[in-house]
Amino acid sequence: MGSIGKFICIGLNYADHAAETGADIPKEPIIFNKWTSSIVGPDDDVELPRGSLKTDWEVELGVVIGKGGKYIEEQDALSHVAGYCVVNDVSEREYQIERGGTWDKGKGCDTFGPTGPWLVTPDEVSDVDSLGMWLEVDGRRYQDGSTSTMIFRVPELIAYVSRFMSLQPGDVISTGTPPGVGMGQKPPVYLKGGEVMRLGIEGLGVQTQKVVSAK
């Protein structure tokens, strides 16, 4: 997919996912970062950080910026999109929520950003607001959602993010996840190592990752 610039993420952007985590619907998009050192290929191993007990999965629609800008108008936002891709926003929930500071700590560990397999151009995506998306662990389907339950849509997200930073070609905005994350299960289910995650978005391809312990 070439070089990724900033790896910008949107939190709690699906109404049904916010509900499963007990969170209020955000009044504005929640922005956090994944470090570019987290990026791996779509079928590379995902490493559990040393001491991790709460590593979780999140299938997400990635929006790749093709034309840079800042203070982008919402009606012009889609002209800044090079294409769309699948992202697994792997998240260590203890580090994210219980260890102080911002979410970034639990989001940017090495291998926590599988991206790809394809960069699908907008003309090949029939309706970005209605794409089926799913994720399975060891063949059990946990996530089975649609971009139709997004709170903030792609044009609004691009315009919003561009108020706080300039967007540049190669930046990726990962736009949130539907329900079915491990944290939302009763009781919660987290990755222990040895599992295989398989996930995809309609028209954008499929990822497969084996979960291993960090070296």
N, C-alpha and C. Protein backbone atom coordinates (compact mmCIF):
# COMPACT_ATOMS: atom_id res chain seq x y z
N MET A 1 0.81 -1.20 0.00
CA MET A 1 0.00 0.00 0.00
C MET A 1 0.85 1.26 0.00
N GLY A 2 2.15 1.08 0.02
CA GLY A 2 3.00 2.26 0.05
C GLY A 2 3.11 2.78 1.48
N SER A 3 3.64 3.97 1.60
CA SER A 3 3.95 4.54 2.90
C SER A 3 2.72 5.21 3.51
N ILE A 4 2.45 4.90 4.78
CA ILE A 4 1.36 5.54 5.52
C ILE A 4 1.95 6.70 6.31
N GLY A 5 1.27 7.84 6.26
CA GLY A 5 1.69 9.00 7.03
C GLY A 5 1.14 8.92 8.44
N LYS A 6 0.27 9.85 8.80
CA LYS A 6 -0.36 9.80 10.11
C LYS A 6 -1.40 8.68 10.14
N PHE A 7 -1.53 8.05 11.30
CA PHE A 7 -2.50 6.96 11.49
C PHE A 7 -3.49 7.47 12.53
N ILE A 8 -4.57 8.07 12.05
CA ILE A 8 -5.52 8.79 12.89
C ILE A 8 -6.75 7.90 13.08
N CYS A 9 -7.24 7.81 14.29
CA CYS A 9 -8.37 6.93 14.58
C CYS A 9 -9.50 7.69 15.24
N ILE A 10 -10.71 7.18 15.02
CA ILE A 10 -11.92 7.76 15.59
C ILE A 10 -12.52 6.75 16.56
N GLY A 11 -12.78 7.18 17.79
CA GLY A 11 -13.31 6.28 18.81
C GLY A 11 -14.82 6.37 18.94
N LEU A 12 -15.43 5.26 19.31
CA LEU A 12 -16.87 5.19 19.62
C LEU A 12 -17.72 5.83 18.53
N ASN A 13 -17.44 5.46 17.27
CA ASN A 13 -18.13 6.09 16.15
C ASN A 13 -19.27 5.24 15.60
N TYR A 14 -19.62 4.16 16.28
CA TYR A 14 -20.78 3.37 15.89
C TYR A 14 -21.75 3.36 17.07
N ALA A 15 -22.98 3.75 16.80
CA ALA A 15 -23.96 3.88 17.89
C ALA A 15 -24.11 2.57 18.65
N ASP A 16 -24.14 1.45 17.92
CA ASP A 16 -24.35 0.15 18.57
C ASP A 16 -23.11 -0.30 19.34
N HIS A 17 -21.91 0.13 18.92
CA HIS A 17 -20.70 -0.18 19.69
C HIS A 17 -20.63 0.66 20.96
N ALA A 18 -20.97 1.94 20.86
CA ALA A 18 -21.00 2.79 22.06
C ALA A 18 -21.94 2.18 23.10
N ALA A 19 -23.08 1.68 22.64
CA ALA A 19 -24.05 1.08 23.56
C ALA A 19 -23.48 -0.15 24.26
N GLU A 20 -22.75 -1.00 23.53
CA GLU A 20 -22.24 -2.23 24.14
C GLU A 20 -21.15 -1.94 25.16
N THR A 21 -20.45 -0.81 25.03
CA THR A 21 -19.41 -0.47 25.99
C THR A 21 -19.95 0.40 27.12
N GLY A 22 -21.24 0.76 27.06
CA GLY A 22 -21.83 1.58 28.11
C GLY A 22 -21.48 3.05 28.00
N ALA A 23 -20.92 3.45 26.85
CA ALA A 23 -20.49 4.84 26.68
C ALA A 23 -21.63 5.69 26.10
N ASP A 24 -21.59 6.98 26.42
CA ASP A 24 -22.52 7.91 25.81
C ASP A 24 -22.16 8.11 24.34
N ILE A 25 -23.16 8.47 23.53
CA ILE A 25 -22.91 8.81 22.13
C ILE A 25 -22.08 10.09 22.11
N PRO A 26 -20.92 10.10 21.45
CA PRO A 26 -20.10 11.32 21.44
C PRO A 26 -20.82 12.47 20.74
N LYS A 27 -20.63 13.67 21.29
CA LYS A 27 -21.19 14.87 20.65
C LYS A 27 -20.29 15.34 19.51
N GLU A 28 -19.02 15.05 19.59
CA GLU A 28 -18.05 15.33 18.53
C GLU A 28 -17.20 14.08 18.35
N PRO A 29 -16.59 13.91 17.18
CA PRO A 29 -15.71 12.76 17.00
C PRO A 29 -14.57 12.73 18.03
N ILE A 30 -14.28 11.54 18.53
CA ILE A 30 -13.15 11.31 19.43
C ILE A 30 -11.95 10.93 18.58
N ILE A 31 -10.87 11.68 18.70
CA ILE A 31 -9.66 11.44 17.90
C ILE A 31 -8.57 10.86 18.78
N PHE A 32 -7.93 9.80 18.32
CA PHE A 32 -6.70 9.31 18.95
C PHE A 32 -5.78 8.81 17.85
N ASN A 33 -4.59 8.40 18.22
CA ASN A 33 -3.59 7.98 17.24
C ASN A 33 -3.16 6.53 17.46
N LYS A 34 -2.82 5.89 16.36
CA LYS A 34 -2.00 4.69 16.41
C LYS A 34 -0.64 5.08 15.85
N TRP A 35 0.41 4.63 16.46
CA TRP A 35 1.76 4.97 15.98
C TRP A 35 2.03 4.20 14.69
N THR A 36 2.79 4.82 13.80
CA THR A 36 3.06 4.15 12.53
C THR A 36 3.88 2.87 12.72
N SER A 37 4.57 2.74 13.86
CA SER A 37 5.31 1.50 14.13
C SER A 37 4.38 0.34 14.44
N SER A 38 3.08 0.61 14.57
CA SER A 38 2.12 -0.49 14.78
C SER A 38 1.70 -1.14 13.47
N ILE A 39 2.00 -0.51 12.34
CA ILE A 39 1.48 -0.96 11.05
C ILE A 39 2.16 -2.24 10.60
N VAL A 40 1.36 -3.22 10.23
CA VAL A 40 1.86 -4.45 9.63
C VAL A 40 0.94 -4.79 8.46
N GLY A 41 1.31 -5.84 7.73
CA GLY A 41 0.50 -6.29 6.61
C GLY A 41 -0.77 -6.96 7.08
N PRO A 42 -1.70 -7.17 6.16
CA PRO A 42 -3.01 -7.70 6.53
C PRO A 42 -2.99 -9.13 7.04
N ASP A 43 -1.96 -9.89 6.70
CA ASP A 43 -1.88 -11.29 7.12
C ASP A 43 -0.67 -11.57 7.99
N ASP A 44 -0.05 -10.52 8.53
CA ASP A 44 1.06 -10.70 9.45
C ASP A 44 0.55 -11.09 10.84
N ASP A 45 1.44 -11.69 11.64
CA ASP A 45 1.09 -12.03 13.01
C ASP A 45 0.80 -10.77 13.82
N VAL A 46 -0.11 -10.90 14.78
CA VAL A 46 -0.35 -9.87 15.79
C VAL A 46 0.28 -10.35 17.09
N GLU A 47 1.12 -9.51 17.68
CA GLU A 47 1.84 -9.87 18.90
C GLU A 47 1.11 -9.36 20.14
N LEU A 48 0.92 -10.24 21.12
CA LEU A 48 0.44 -9.81 22.43
C LEU A 48 1.59 -9.16 23.17
N PRO A 49 1.46 -7.91 23.63
CA PRO A 49 2.55 -7.30 24.38
C PRO A 49 2.87 -8.10 25.64
N ARG A 50 4.09 -8.01 26.09
CA ARG A 50 4.47 -8.70 27.32
C ARG A 50 3.57 -8.25 28.48
N GLY A 51 3.01 -9.21 29.17
CA GLY A 51 2.15 -8.91 30.31
C GLY A 51 0.72 -8.57 29.96
N SER A 52 0.39 -8.56 28.69
CA SER A 52 -0.96 -8.20 28.28
C SER A 52 -1.98 -9.25 28.69
N LEU A 53 -3.10 -8.77 29.23
CA LEU A 53 -4.21 -9.65 29.58
C LEU A 53 -5.49 -9.30 28.85
N LYS A 54 -5.53 -8.15 28.18
CA LYS A 54 -6.79 -7.66 27.63
C LYS A 54 -6.64 -7.14 26.19
N THR A 55 -5.96 -7.92 25.34
CA THR A 55 -5.83 -7.50 23.95
C THR A 55 -7.10 -7.90 23.18
N ASP A 56 -7.61 -6.94 22.42
CA ASP A 56 -8.94 -7.02 21.80
C ASP A 56 -8.82 -6.72 20.31
N TRP A 57 -9.92 -6.91 19.60
CA TRP A 57 -9.97 -6.75 18.14
C TRP A 57 -10.98 -5.67 17.77
N GLU A 58 -10.82 -5.06 16.59
CA GLU A 58 -11.79 -4.08 16.09
C GLU A 58 -11.65 -3.99 14.57
N VAL A 59 -12.61 -4.51 13.82
CA VAL A 59 -12.60 -4.32 12.37
C VAL A 59 -13.05 -2.90 12.07
N GLU A 60 -12.32 -2.20 11.20
CA GLU A 60 -12.62 -0.80 10.90
C GLU A 60 -12.41 -0.48 9.42
N LEU A 61 -13.18 0.48 8.95
CA LEU A 61 -13.00 1.06 7.62
C LEU A 61 -11.90 2.11 7.69
N GLY A 62 -10.85 1.92 6.89
CA GLY A 62 -9.79 2.91 6.78
C GLY A 62 -10.01 3.80 5.57
N VAL A 63 -9.84 5.10 5.76
CA VAL A 63 -9.96 6.09 4.68
C VAL A 63 -8.56 6.64 4.41
N VAL A 64 -8.08 6.47 3.19
CA VAL A 64 -6.72 6.90 2.84
C VAL A 64 -6.81 8.24 2.10
N ILE A 65 -6.07 9.21 2.61
CA ILE A 65 -6.09 10.55 2.02
C ILE A 65 -5.21 10.58 0.77
N GLY A 66 -5.75 11.14 -0.30
CA GLY A 66 -5.01 11.26 -1.55
C GLY A 66 -4.59 12.69 -1.84
N LYS A 67 -5.42 13.65 -1.42
CA LYS A 67 -5.12 15.07 -1.63
C LYS A 67 -5.16 15.75 -0.28
N GLY A 68 -4.06 16.40 0.06
CA GLY A 68 -3.94 17.02 1.36
C GLY A 68 -4.79 18.28 1.50
N GLY A 69 -4.82 18.79 2.72
CA GLY A 69 -5.54 20.04 2.96
C GLY A 69 -5.82 20.23 4.43
N LYS A 70 -6.23 21.44 4.81
CA LYS A 70 -6.72 21.72 6.16
C LYS A 70 -7.94 22.61 6.05
N TYR A 71 -8.75 22.58 7.10
CA TYR A 71 -10.05 23.28 7.07
C TYR A 71 -10.84 22.89 5.82
N ILE A 72 -10.89 21.59 5.58
CA ILE A 72 -11.59 21.06 4.41
C ILE A 72 -13.10 21.18 4.64
N GLU A 73 -13.81 21.64 3.64
CA GLU A 73 -15.27 21.72 3.73
C GLU A 73 -15.87 20.33 3.56
N GLU A 74 -16.92 20.08 4.33
CA GLU A 74 -17.53 18.74 4.29
C GLU A 74 -17.98 18.35 2.88
N GLN A 75 -18.51 19.32 2.15
CA GLN A 75 -19.01 19.00 0.81
C GLN A 75 -17.88 18.67 -0.18
N ASP A 76 -16.66 19.05 0.16
CA ASP A 76 -15.50 18.77 -0.69
C ASP A 76 -14.68 17.57 -0.21
N ALA A 77 -15.06 17.02 0.94
CA ALA A 77 -14.18 16.09 1.64
C ALA A 77 -13.87 14.83 0.82
N LEU A 78 -14.86 14.30 0.13
CA LEU A 78 -14.62 13.04 -0.59
C LEU A 78 -13.64 13.21 -1.74
N SER A 79 -13.44 14.43 -2.22
CA SER A 79 -12.44 14.65 -3.27
C SER A 79 -11.02 14.49 -2.74
N HIS A 80 -10.87 14.42 -1.43
CA HIS A 80 -9.55 14.24 -0.81
C HIS A 80 -9.22 12.76 -0.56
N VAL A 81 -10.15 11.85 -0.91
CA VAL A 81 -9.98 10.42 -0.62
C VAL A 81 -9.31 9.72 -1.79
N ALA A 82 -8.20 9.02 -1.50
CA ALA A 82 -7.56 8.17 -2.51
C ALA A 82 -8.24 6.82 -2.59
N GLY A 83 -8.71 6.33 -1.44
CA GLY A 83 -9.35 5.02 -1.42
C GLY A 83 -9.65 4.56 -0.02
N TYR A 84 -10.14 3.32 0.06
CA TYR A 84 -10.58 2.74 1.32
C TYR A 84 -9.87 1.40 1.53
N CYS A 85 -9.75 0.99 2.80
CA CYS A 85 -9.09 -0.27 3.11
C CYS A 85 -9.63 -0.81 4.42
N VAL A 86 -9.23 -2.04 4.73
CA VAL A 86 -9.57 -2.68 5.99
C VAL A 86 -8.46 -2.40 7.01
N VAL A 87 -8.85 -2.07 8.24
CA VAL A 87 -7.91 -1.90 9.35
C VAL A 87 -8.41 -2.76 10.52
N ASN A 88 -7.50 -3.46 11.19
CA ASN A 88 -7.81 -4.10 12.47
C ASN A 88 -7.20 -3.22 13.55
N ASP A 89 -8.05 -2.48 14.26
CA ASP A 89 -7.58 -1.59 15.32
C ASP A 89 -7.40 -2.41 16.60
N VAL A 90 -6.33 -3.22 16.62
CA VAL A 90 -6.05 -4.05 17.78
C VAL A 90 -5.79 -3.13 18.98
N SER A 91 -6.34 -3.51 20.15
CA SER A 91 -6.36 -2.61 21.31
C SER A 91 -6.11 -3.41 22.58
N GLU A 92 -5.17 -2.95 23.40
CA GLU A 92 -4.96 -3.55 24.72
C GLU A 92 -5.77 -2.72 25.72
N ARG A 93 -6.88 -3.28 26.20
CA ARG A 93 -7.84 -2.48 26.96
C ARG A 93 -7.32 -2.03 28.32
N GLU A 94 -6.50 -2.84 28.98
CA GLU A 94 -5.94 -2.39 30.26
C GLU A 94 -5.05 -1.18 30.04
N TYR A 95 -4.18 -1.26 29.04
CA TYR A 95 -3.28 -0.13 28.77
C TYR A 95 -4.08 1.09 28.33
N GLN A 96 -5.15 0.85 27.57
CA GLN A 96 -5.96 1.94 27.02
C GLN A 96 -6.74 2.68 28.10
N ILE A 97 -7.31 1.91 29.05
CA ILE A 97 -8.32 2.48 29.94
C ILE A 97 -7.86 2.57 31.39
N GLU A 98 -7.03 1.62 31.82
CA GLU A 98 -6.76 1.49 33.25
C GLU A 98 -5.37 1.97 33.67
N ARG A 99 -4.52 2.34 32.74
CA ARG A 99 -3.12 2.61 33.07
C ARG A 99 -2.76 4.09 33.02
N GLY A 100 -3.77 4.97 33.03
CA GLY A 100 -3.50 6.41 33.06
C GLY A 100 -3.21 6.95 31.67
N GLY A 101 -3.46 8.23 31.50
CA GLY A 101 -3.15 8.86 30.22
C GLY A 101 -4.24 8.65 29.19
N THR A 102 -3.88 8.81 27.94
CA THR A 102 -4.84 8.74 26.85
C THR A 102 -4.96 7.32 26.31
N TRP A 103 -5.89 7.14 25.37
CA TRP A 103 -6.09 5.83 24.77
C TRP A 103 -4.87 5.34 24.00
N ASP A 104 -4.01 6.27 23.56
CA ASP A 104 -2.94 5.92 22.62
C ASP A 104 -2.06 4.78 23.14
N LYS A 105 -1.87 4.73 24.46
CA LYS A 105 -0.98 3.74 25.06
C LYS A 105 -1.40 2.31 24.71
N GLY A 106 -2.71 2.08 24.66
CA GLY A 106 -3.20 0.73 24.39
C GLY A 106 -3.50 0.45 22.94
N LYS A 107 -3.27 1.45 22.08
CA LYS A 107 -3.66 1.33 20.68
C LYS A 107 -2.47 1.17 19.73
N GLY A 108 -1.29 1.58 20.16
CA GLY A 108 -0.19 1.70 19.22
C GLY A 108 0.94 0.72 19.39
N CYS A 109 0.70 -0.39 20.13
CA CYS A 109 1.77 -1.38 20.30
C CYS A 109 2.16 -1.96 18.93
N ASP A 110 3.37 -2.48 18.85
CA ASP A 110 3.83 -3.10 17.61
C ASP A 110 2.82 -4.15 17.15
N THR A 111 2.56 -4.16 15.86
CA THR A 111 1.66 -5.09 15.15
C THR A 111 0.18 -4.80 15.39
N PHE A 112 -0.17 -3.70 16.08
CA PHE A 112 -1.57 -3.42 16.41
C PHE A 112 -2.31 -2.68 15.29
N GLY A 113 -1.69 -2.57 14.11
CA GLY A 113 -2.35 -1.87 13.01
C GLY A 113 -2.32 -2.61 11.69
N PRO A 114 -2.80 -3.85 11.62
CA PRO A 114 -2.86 -4.52 10.31
C PRO A 114 -3.72 -3.71 9.33
N THR A 115 -3.17 -3.47 8.14
CA THR A 115 -3.81 -2.59 7.16
C THR A 115 -3.75 -3.25 5.78
N GLY A 116 -4.86 -3.20 5.04
CA GLY A 116 -4.90 -3.78 3.71
C GLY A 116 -5.97 -4.88 3.66
N PRO A 117 -5.96 -5.73 2.65
CA PRO A 117 -4.90 -5.97 1.68
C PRO A 117 -4.88 -5.01 0.49
N TRP A 118 -5.99 -4.30 0.27
CA TRP A 118 -6.09 -3.48 -0.93
C TRP A 118 -6.36 -2.03 -0.58
N LEU A 119 -5.95 -1.15 -1.47
CA LEU A 119 -6.43 0.23 -1.48
C LEU A 119 -7.47 0.29 -2.59
N VAL A 120 -8.73 0.36 -2.21
CA VAL A 120 -9.83 0.32 -3.18
C VAL A 120 -10.29 1.74 -3.47
N THR A 121 -10.21 2.14 -4.75
CA THR A 121 -10.52 3.52 -5.11
C THR A 121 -12.02 3.79 -4.95
N PRO A 122 -12.39 5.05 -4.68
CA PRO A 122 -13.80 5.36 -4.40
C PRO A 122 -14.76 4.92 -5.50
N ASP A 123 -14.32 4.95 -6.76
CA ASP A 123 -15.23 4.56 -7.84
C ASP A 123 -15.58 3.07 -7.79
N GLU A 124 -14.79 2.29 -7.03
CA GLU A 124 -15.05 0.85 -6.90
C GLU A 124 -15.89 0.52 -5.67
N VAL A 125 -16.21 1.53 -4.87
CA VAL A 125 -17.00 1.33 -3.65
C VAL A 125 -18.40 1.87 -3.89
N SER A 126 -19.37 0.97 -3.89
CA SER A 126 -20.72 1.37 -4.30
C SER A 126 -21.34 2.37 -3.34
N ASP A 127 -21.25 2.12 -2.03
CA ASP A 127 -21.84 3.01 -1.04
C ASP A 127 -21.08 2.86 0.26
N VAL A 128 -20.17 3.80 0.51
CA VAL A 128 -19.31 3.68 1.69
C VAL A 128 -20.12 3.76 2.98
N ASP A 129 -21.35 4.26 2.92
CA ASP A 129 -22.20 4.36 4.10
C ASP A 129 -23.02 3.09 4.35
N SER A 130 -22.77 2.05 3.58
CA SER A 130 -23.56 0.82 3.75
C SER A 130 -22.73 -0.41 3.39
N LEU A 131 -21.58 -0.54 4.03
CA LEU A 131 -20.69 -1.68 3.77
C LEU A 131 -20.78 -2.67 4.93
N GLY A 132 -21.05 -3.93 4.61
CA GLY A 132 -21.02 -4.96 5.64
C GLY A 132 -19.59 -5.19 6.12
N MET A 133 -19.43 -5.46 7.41
CA MET A 133 -18.09 -5.69 7.98
C MET A 133 -18.22 -6.74 9.09
N TRP A 134 -17.18 -7.56 9.22
CA TRP A 134 -17.27 -8.70 10.13
C TRP A 134 -15.90 -9.06 10.65
N LEU A 135 -15.86 -9.77 11.77
CA LEU A 135 -14.61 -10.29 12.32
C LEU A 135 -14.89 -11.59 13.06
N GLU A 136 -14.01 -12.57 12.83
CA GLU A 136 -14.11 -13.87 13.48
C GLU A 136 -12.81 -14.17 14.23
N VAL A 137 -12.93 -14.87 15.34
CA VAL A 137 -11.77 -15.39 16.07
C VAL A 137 -11.94 -16.90 16.14
N ASP A 138 -10.97 -17.63 15.57
CA ASP A 138 -11.03 -19.09 15.51
C ASP A 138 -12.38 -19.57 14.94
N GLY A 139 -12.85 -18.87 13.92
CA GLY A 139 -14.06 -19.28 13.23
C GLY A 139 -15.35 -18.83 13.88
N ARG A 140 -15.29 -18.25 15.07
CA ARG A 140 -16.50 -17.74 15.71
C ARG A 140 -16.68 -16.27 15.34
N ARG A 141 -17.85 -15.95 14.80
CA ARG A 141 -18.09 -14.57 14.39
C ARG A 141 -18.51 -13.73 15.59
N TYR A 142 -17.70 -12.72 15.89
CA TYR A 142 -18.00 -11.80 16.98
C TYR A 142 -18.57 -10.47 16.46
N GLN A 143 -18.00 -9.96 15.39
CA GLN A 143 -18.48 -8.69 14.84
C GLN A 143 -19.19 -8.95 13.52
N ASP A 144 -20.36 -8.36 13.37
CA ASP A 144 -21.13 -8.52 12.14
C ASP A 144 -21.97 -7.25 12.01
N GLY A 145 -21.38 -6.22 11.43
CA GLY A 145 -22.01 -4.91 11.43
C GLY A 145 -21.99 -4.27 10.06
N SER A 146 -22.21 -2.96 10.07
CA SER A 146 -22.29 -2.20 8.83
C SER A 146 -21.87 -0.77 9.10
N THR A 147 -21.23 -0.17 8.09
CA THR A 147 -20.89 1.25 8.21
C THR A 147 -22.13 2.12 8.31
N SER A 148 -23.31 1.55 8.09
CA SER A 148 -24.54 2.34 8.16
C SER A 148 -24.85 2.80 9.58
N THR A 149 -24.22 2.19 10.61
CA THR A 149 -24.48 2.64 11.98
C THR A 149 -23.42 3.62 12.50
N MET A 150 -22.57 4.12 11.59
CA MET A 150 -21.63 5.18 11.97
C MET A 150 -22.39 6.41 12.48
N ILE A 151 -21.87 7.03 13.52
CA ILE A 151 -22.44 8.27 14.02
C ILE A 151 -22.00 9.44 13.14
N PHE A 152 -20.70 9.53 12.89
CA PHE A 152 -20.13 10.57 12.02
C PHE A 152 -19.65 9.91 10.74
N ARG A 153 -20.15 10.36 9.60
CA ARG A 153 -19.84 9.76 8.30
C ARG A 153 -18.48 10.23 7.79
N VAL A 154 -18.02 9.61 6.73
CA VAL A 154 -16.67 9.88 6.22
C VAL A 154 -16.46 11.35 5.88
N PRO A 155 -17.33 12.03 5.14
CA PRO A 155 -17.05 13.45 4.83
C PRO A 155 -16.95 14.32 6.08
N GLU A 156 -17.82 14.06 7.06
CA GLU A 156 -17.78 14.83 8.29
C GLU A 156 -16.49 14.57 9.06
N LEU A 157 -16.04 13.32 9.07
CA LEU A 157 -14.79 13.00 9.77
C LEU A 157 -13.59 13.69 9.14
N ILE A 158 -13.52 13.66 7.81
CA ILE A 158 -12.39 14.32 7.13
C ILE A 158 -12.39 15.80 7.43
N ALA A 159 -13.55 16.44 7.31
CA ALA A 159 -13.64 17.88 7.58
C ALA A 159 -13.27 18.17 9.04
N TYR A 160 -13.76 17.35 9.96
CA TYR A 160 -13.51 17.58 11.38
C TYR A 160 -12.03 17.43 11.72
N VAL A 161 -11.44 16.33 11.28
CA VAL A 161 -10.02 16.10 11.61
C VAL A 161 -9.16 17.22 11.03
N SER A 162 -9.53 17.72 9.86
CA SER A 162 -8.69 18.74 9.20
C SER A 162 -8.75 20.09 9.90
N ARG A 163 -9.61 20.23 10.90
CA ARG A 163 -9.58 21.46 11.71
C ARG A 163 -8.43 21.45 12.70
N PHE A 164 -7.95 20.26 13.05
CA PHE A 164 -6.97 20.11 14.12
C PHE A 164 -5.58 19.77 13.63
N MET A 165 -5.48 19.38 12.36
CA MET A 165 -4.17 19.07 11.76
C MET A 165 -4.35 19.10 10.25
N SER A 166 -3.31 19.44 9.54
CA SER A 166 -3.39 19.31 8.09
C SER A 166 -3.35 17.83 7.74
N LEU A 167 -4.15 17.46 6.76
CA LEU A 167 -4.12 16.10 6.24
C LEU A 167 -3.21 16.07 5.02
N GLN A 168 -2.47 14.98 4.89
CA GLN A 168 -1.47 14.86 3.83
C GLN A 168 -1.65 13.55 3.09
N PRO A 169 -1.27 13.49 1.84
CA PRO A 169 -1.39 12.24 1.08
C PRO A 169 -0.71 11.08 1.82
N GLY A 170 -1.42 9.99 1.94
CA GLY A 170 -0.90 8.83 2.65
C GLY A 170 -1.38 8.71 4.08
N ASP A 171 -2.00 9.78 4.62
CA ASP A 171 -2.59 9.65 5.95
C ASP A 171 -3.77 8.69 5.90
N VAL A 172 -3.98 7.97 7.00
CA VAL A 172 -5.11 7.05 7.12
C VAL A 172 -5.97 7.50 8.29
N ILE A 173 -7.27 7.56 8.05
CA ILE A 173 -8.23 7.76 9.13
C ILE A 173 -8.99 6.46 9.30
N SER A 174 -8.86 5.84 10.48
CA SER A 174 -9.60 4.62 10.78
C SER A 174 -10.86 5.03 11.55
N THR A 175 -12.01 4.62 11.05
CA THR A 175 -13.25 5.34 11.34
C THR A 175 -14.14 4.73 12.42
N GLY A 176 -13.63 3.78 13.20
CA GLY A 176 -14.41 3.21 14.28
C GLY A 176 -14.90 1.81 13.96
N THR A 177 -15.45 1.14 14.98
CA THR A 177 -15.79 -0.27 14.86
C THR A 177 -17.24 -0.54 15.26
N PRO A 178 -17.89 -1.52 14.61
CA PRO A 178 -19.23 -1.92 15.05
C PRO A 178 -19.14 -2.79 16.31
N PRO A 179 -20.30 -3.17 16.87
CA PRO A 179 -20.27 -3.97 18.09
C PRO A 179 -19.70 -5.36 17.86
N GLY A 180 -19.40 -6.02 18.99
CA GLY A 180 -18.87 -7.38 18.95
C GLY A 180 -17.42 -7.48 19.40
N VAL A 181 -16.85 -6.40 19.95
CA VAL A 181 -15.48 -6.46 20.45
C VAL A 181 -15.44 -7.35 21.68
N GLY A 182 -14.24 -7.83 22.00
CA GLY A 182 -14.10 -8.72 23.15
C GLY A 182 -14.53 -8.09 24.45
N MET A 183 -14.21 -6.80 24.61
CA MET A 183 -14.56 -6.07 25.83
C MET A 183 -16.06 -6.05 26.06
N GLY A 184 -16.84 -6.12 24.97
CA GLY A 184 -18.29 -6.03 25.07
C GLY A 184 -18.99 -7.35 25.33
N GLN A 185 -18.23 -8.47 25.32
CA GLN A 185 -18.84 -9.77 25.59
C GLN A 185 -19.14 -9.89 27.09
N LYS A 186 -20.07 -10.76 27.42
CA LYS A 186 -20.41 -10.98 28.83
C LYS A 186 -20.22 -12.46 29.14
N PRO A 187 -19.15 -12.83 29.85
CA PRO A 187 -18.05 -11.97 30.31
C PRO A 187 -17.13 -11.59 29.14
N PRO A 188 -16.25 -10.59 29.35
CA PRO A 188 -15.34 -10.19 28.29
C PRO A 188 -14.46 -11.34 27.82
N VAL A 189 -14.10 -11.30 26.53
CA VAL A 189 -13.23 -12.31 25.92
C VAL A 189 -12.03 -11.58 25.33
N TYR A 190 -10.84 -12.02 25.70
CA TYR A 190 -9.63 -11.38 25.15
C TYR A 190 -8.73 -12.43 24.52
N LEU A 191 -7.82 -11.96 23.68
CA LEU A 191 -6.91 -12.84 22.97
C LEU A 191 -5.83 -13.36 23.92
N LYS A 192 -5.54 -14.64 23.84
CA LYS A 192 -4.55 -15.27 24.73
C LYS A 192 -3.30 -15.72 23.98
N GLY A 193 -3.38 -15.80 22.67
CA GLY A 193 -2.28 -16.33 21.88
C GLY A 193 -2.65 -17.67 21.29
N GLY A 194 -2.28 -17.84 20.02
CA GLY A 194 -2.62 -19.06 19.31
C GLY A 194 -3.88 -18.95 18.46
N GLU A 195 -4.72 -17.94 18.74
CA GLU A 195 -5.95 -17.78 17.95
C GLU A 195 -5.62 -17.23 16.55
N VAL A 196 -6.61 -17.34 15.67
CA VAL A 196 -6.53 -16.73 14.35
C VAL A 196 -7.71 -15.76 14.20
N MET A 197 -7.39 -14.50 13.92
CA MET A 197 -8.43 -13.52 13.60
C MET A 197 -8.60 -13.45 12.09
N ARG A 198 -9.85 -13.41 11.67
CA ARG A 198 -10.16 -13.24 10.25
C ARG A 198 -11.23 -12.16 10.15
N LEU A 199 -11.02 -11.19 9.28
CA LEU A 199 -11.92 -10.03 9.24
C LEU A 199 -11.97 -9.46 7.84
N GLY A 200 -13.08 -8.79 7.54
CA GLY A 200 -13.20 -8.21 6.21
C GLY A 200 -14.29 -7.17 6.15
N ILE A 201 -14.26 -6.41 5.07
CA ILE A 201 -15.29 -5.43 4.76
C ILE A 201 -15.71 -5.66 3.31
N GLU A 202 -17.00 -5.57 3.09
CA GLU A 202 -17.59 -5.82 1.77
C GLU A 202 -16.87 -5.02 0.69
N GLY A 203 -16.30 -5.73 -0.29
CA GLY A 203 -15.63 -5.10 -1.41
C GLY A 203 -14.20 -4.65 -1.17
N LEU A 204 -13.72 -4.75 0.09
CA LEU A 204 -12.39 -4.24 0.43
C LEU A 204 -11.39 -5.33 0.77
N GLY A 205 -11.84 -6.60 0.79
CA GLY A 205 -10.91 -7.68 1.04
C GLY A 205 -10.97 -8.21 2.46
N VAL A 206 -10.11 -9.20 2.71
CA VAL A 206 -10.10 -9.96 3.96
C VAL A 206 -8.69 -9.97 4.54
N GLN A 207 -8.60 -9.90 5.86
CA GLN A 207 -7.33 -10.06 6.57
C GLN A 207 -7.38 -11.34 7.41
N THR A 208 -6.21 -11.94 7.64
CA THR A 208 -6.10 -13.10 8.53
C THR A 208 -4.82 -12.94 9.35
N GLN A 209 -4.96 -12.95 10.67
CA GLN A 209 -3.78 -12.79 11.54
C GLN A 209 -3.74 -13.87 12.62
N LYS A 210 -2.59 -14.48 12.78
CA LYS A 210 -2.37 -15.37 13.92
C LYS A 210 -1.90 -14.52 15.11
N VAL A 211 -2.38 -14.85 16.28
CA VAL A 211 -2.01 -14.13 17.50
C VAL A 211 -0.86 -14.88 18.17
N VAL A 212 0.23 -14.17 18.43
CA VAL A 212 1.43 -14.77 19.02
C VAL A 212 1.89 -13.91 20.19
N SER A 213 2.76 -14.44 21.02
CA SER A 213 3.32 -13.66 22.12
C SER A 213 4.50 -12.84 21.60
N ALA A 214 4.64 -11.63 22.16
CA ALA A 214 5.77 -10.77 21.75
C ALA A 214 7.08 -11.44 22.10
N LYS A 215 8.05 -11.24 21.22
CA LYS A 215 9.37 -11.83 21.43
C LYS A 215 10.12 -11.03 22.50
